[in-house]
Amino acid sequence: MTTTKNIDSYRLTDMEEPTDEMLAQIMREAAEDARKANEEATKRFFDELNKAAEAIR
């Protein structure tokens, strides 16, 4: 298993290719970040939508 230190020190601009394990970890972390951002954006959207609906009433 790839250690956090290896993942944290790897940069996509490095001349060497990441191992399959490192790439999988990078992709999992990117997917989790995207999920969290999407959840937050969706919540903000519906909060604003509810505020607008309350203002109209």
N, C-alpha and C. Protein backbone atom coordinates (compact mmCIF):
# COMPACT_ATOMS: atom_id res chain seq x y z
N MET A 1 0.86 -1.19 0.00
CA MET A 1 0.00 0.00 0.00
C MET A 1 0.89 1.24 0.00
N THR A 2 0.47 2.26 -0.72
CA THR A 2 1.22 3.51 -0.79
C THR A 2 1.02 4.29 0.50
N THR A 3 2.09 4.83 1.01
CA THR A 3 1.98 5.60 2.24
C THR A 3 1.55 7.02 1.91
N THR A 4 1.00 7.69 2.90
CA THR A 4 0.58 9.08 2.73
C THR A 4 1.77 9.94 2.34
N LYS A 5 2.93 9.66 2.92
CA LYS A 5 4.12 10.43 2.61
C LYS A 5 4.44 10.36 1.12
N ASN A 6 4.34 9.16 0.53
CA ASN A 6 4.59 9.02 -0.91
C ASN A 6 3.59 9.81 -1.73
N ILE A 7 2.34 9.74 -1.36
CA ILE A 7 1.29 10.46 -2.09
C ILE A 7 1.49 11.96 -1.94
N ASP A 8 1.76 12.41 -0.73
CA ASP A 8 1.92 13.84 -0.48
C ASP A 8 3.14 14.42 -1.17
N SER A 9 4.16 13.62 -1.38
CA SER A 9 5.38 14.14 -2.00
C SER A 9 5.35 14.01 -3.52
N TYR A 10 4.41 13.25 -4.07
CA TYR A 10 4.35 13.09 -5.52
C TYR A 10 3.68 14.29 -6.17
N ARG A 11 4.20 14.74 -7.26
CA ARG A 11 3.60 15.84 -8.04
C ARG A 11 3.38 15.35 -9.46
N LEU A 12 2.23 15.67 -10.02
CA LEU A 12 1.94 15.22 -11.39
C LEU A 12 2.93 15.78 -12.40
N THR A 13 3.68 16.79 -12.01
CA THR A 13 4.67 17.36 -12.92
C THR A 13 6.01 16.63 -12.83
N ASP A 14 6.13 15.65 -11.92
CA ASP A 14 7.35 14.87 -11.82
C ASP A 14 7.62 14.16 -13.15
N MET A 15 8.87 13.90 -13.41
CA MET A 15 9.24 13.21 -14.65
C MET A 15 8.87 11.73 -14.62
N GLU A 16 8.74 11.16 -13.44
CA GLU A 16 8.40 9.75 -13.35
C GLU A 16 6.89 9.57 -13.30
N GLU A 17 6.42 8.48 -13.83
CA GLU A 17 4.99 8.17 -13.82
C GLU A 17 4.60 7.69 -12.43
N PRO A 18 3.38 8.01 -11.99
CA PRO A 18 2.93 7.49 -10.69
C PRO A 18 2.66 5.99 -10.83
N THR A 19 2.78 5.28 -9.73
CA THR A 19 2.41 3.87 -9.76
C THR A 19 0.89 3.80 -9.89
N ASP A 20 0.39 2.65 -10.28
CA ASP A 20 -1.06 2.47 -10.38
C ASP A 20 -1.72 2.73 -9.03
N GLU A 21 -1.06 2.30 -7.97
CA GLU A 21 -1.59 2.49 -6.63
C GLU A 21 -1.65 3.99 -6.27
N MET A 22 -0.59 4.71 -6.61
CA MET A 22 -0.56 6.15 -6.32
C MET A 22 -1.64 6.87 -7.13
N LEU A 23 -1.77 6.52 -8.39
CA LEU A 23 -2.76 7.15 -9.25
C LEU A 23 -4.18 6.87 -8.74
N ALA A 24 -4.41 5.65 -8.31
CA ALA A 24 -5.73 5.30 -7.77
C ALA A 24 -6.03 6.14 -6.52
N GLN A 25 -5.04 6.31 -5.65
CA GLN A 25 -5.23 7.11 -4.44
C GLN A 25 -5.50 8.57 -4.79
N ILE A 26 -4.75 9.10 -5.74
CA ILE A 26 -4.95 10.49 -6.18
C ILE A 26 -6.37 10.67 -6.72
N MET A 27 -6.81 9.72 -7.52
CA MET A 27 -8.15 9.81 -8.10
C MET A 27 -9.24 9.68 -7.04
N ARG A 28 -9.03 8.79 -6.05
CA ARG A 28 -10.01 8.67 -4.96
C ARG A 28 -10.13 9.98 -4.19
N GLU A 29 -8.99 10.60 -3.91
CA GLU A 29 -9.01 11.86 -3.17
C GLU A 29 -9.67 12.97 -4.00
N ALA A 30 -9.39 13.00 -5.28
CA ALA A 30 -10.01 14.00 -6.15
C ALA A 30 -11.52 13.80 -6.22
N ALA A 31 -11.96 12.55 -6.31
CA ALA A 31 -13.39 12.25 -6.36
C ALA A 31 -14.07 12.66 -5.06
N GLU A 32 -13.44 12.41 -3.93
CA GLU A 32 -14.01 12.80 -2.64
C GLU A 32 -14.11 14.33 -2.53
N ASP A 33 -13.08 15.03 -2.97
CA ASP A 33 -13.12 16.50 -2.96
C ASP A 33 -14.26 17.01 -3.84
N ALA A 34 -14.44 16.39 -5.00
CA ALA A 34 -15.51 16.81 -5.92
C ALA A 34 -16.88 16.54 -5.31
N ARG A 35 -17.03 15.38 -4.65
CA ARG A 35 -18.32 15.06 -4.00
C ARG A 35 -18.65 16.09 -2.92
N LYS A 36 -17.66 16.43 -2.10
CA LYS A 36 -17.90 17.41 -1.04
C LYS A 36 -18.26 18.77 -1.61
N ALA A 37 -17.54 19.20 -2.63
CA ALA A 37 -17.83 20.50 -3.25
C ALA A 37 -19.23 20.50 -3.85
N ASN A 38 -19.62 19.40 -4.47
CA ASN A 38 -20.96 19.30 -5.07
C ASN A 38 -22.04 19.36 -3.99
N GLU A 39 -21.84 18.65 -2.89
CA GLU A 39 -22.81 18.68 -1.79
C GLU A 39 -22.96 20.09 -1.23
N GLU A 40 -21.85 20.77 -1.03
CA GLU A 40 -21.89 22.13 -0.49
C GLU A 40 -22.58 23.09 -1.46
N ALA A 41 -22.28 22.97 -2.75
CA ALA A 41 -22.90 23.84 -3.75
C ALA A 41 -24.40 23.57 -3.84
N THR A 42 -24.79 22.32 -3.78
CA THR A 42 -26.22 21.97 -3.83
C THR A 42 -26.94 22.54 -2.62
N LYS A 43 -26.34 22.41 -1.44
CA LYS A 43 -26.96 22.96 -0.23
C LYS A 43 -27.10 24.47 -0.33
N ARG A 44 -26.04 25.15 -0.79
CA ARG A 44 -26.11 26.61 -0.93
C ARG A 44 -27.19 27.00 -1.94
N PHE A 45 -27.29 26.27 -3.03
CA PHE A 45 -28.30 26.56 -4.05
C PHE A 45 -29.70 26.49 -3.46
N PHE A 46 -30.00 25.39 -2.76
CA PHE A 46 -31.34 25.23 -2.21
C PHE A 46 -31.60 26.19 -1.06
N ASP A 47 -30.57 26.52 -0.30
CA ASP A 47 -30.75 27.54 0.74
C ASP A 47 -31.15 28.88 0.11
N GLU A 48 -30.46 29.27 -0.95
CA GLU A 48 -30.79 30.52 -1.65
C GLU A 48 -32.17 30.45 -2.29
N LEU A 49 -32.51 29.31 -2.84
CA LEU A 49 -33.83 29.12 -3.45
C LEU A 49 -34.93 29.26 -2.40
N ASN A 50 -34.70 28.67 -1.24
CA ASN A 50 -35.68 28.81 -0.14
C ASN A 50 -35.79 30.23 0.34
N LYS A 51 -34.67 30.95 0.43
CA LYS A 51 -34.71 32.35 0.84
C LYS A 51 -35.52 33.16 -0.17
N ALA A 52 -35.31 32.92 -1.44
CA ALA A 52 -36.04 33.65 -2.48
C ALA A 52 -37.53 33.34 -2.40
N ALA A 53 -37.87 32.09 -2.15
CA ALA A 53 -39.29 31.70 -2.04
C ALA A 53 -39.94 32.37 -0.82
N GLU A 54 -39.20 32.43 0.28
CA GLU A 54 -39.73 33.11 1.47
C GLU A 54 -39.93 34.59 1.23
N ALA A 55 -39.04 35.21 0.47
CA ALA A 55 -39.15 36.65 0.18
C ALA A 55 -40.38 36.94 -0.67
N ILE A 56 -40.76 36.00 -1.51
CA ILE A 56 -41.91 36.19 -2.40
C ILE A 56 -43.21 36.04 -1.62
N ARG A 57 -43.23 35.22 -0.63
CA ARG A 57 -44.48 34.96 0.14
C ARG A 57 -44.90 36.12 0.93
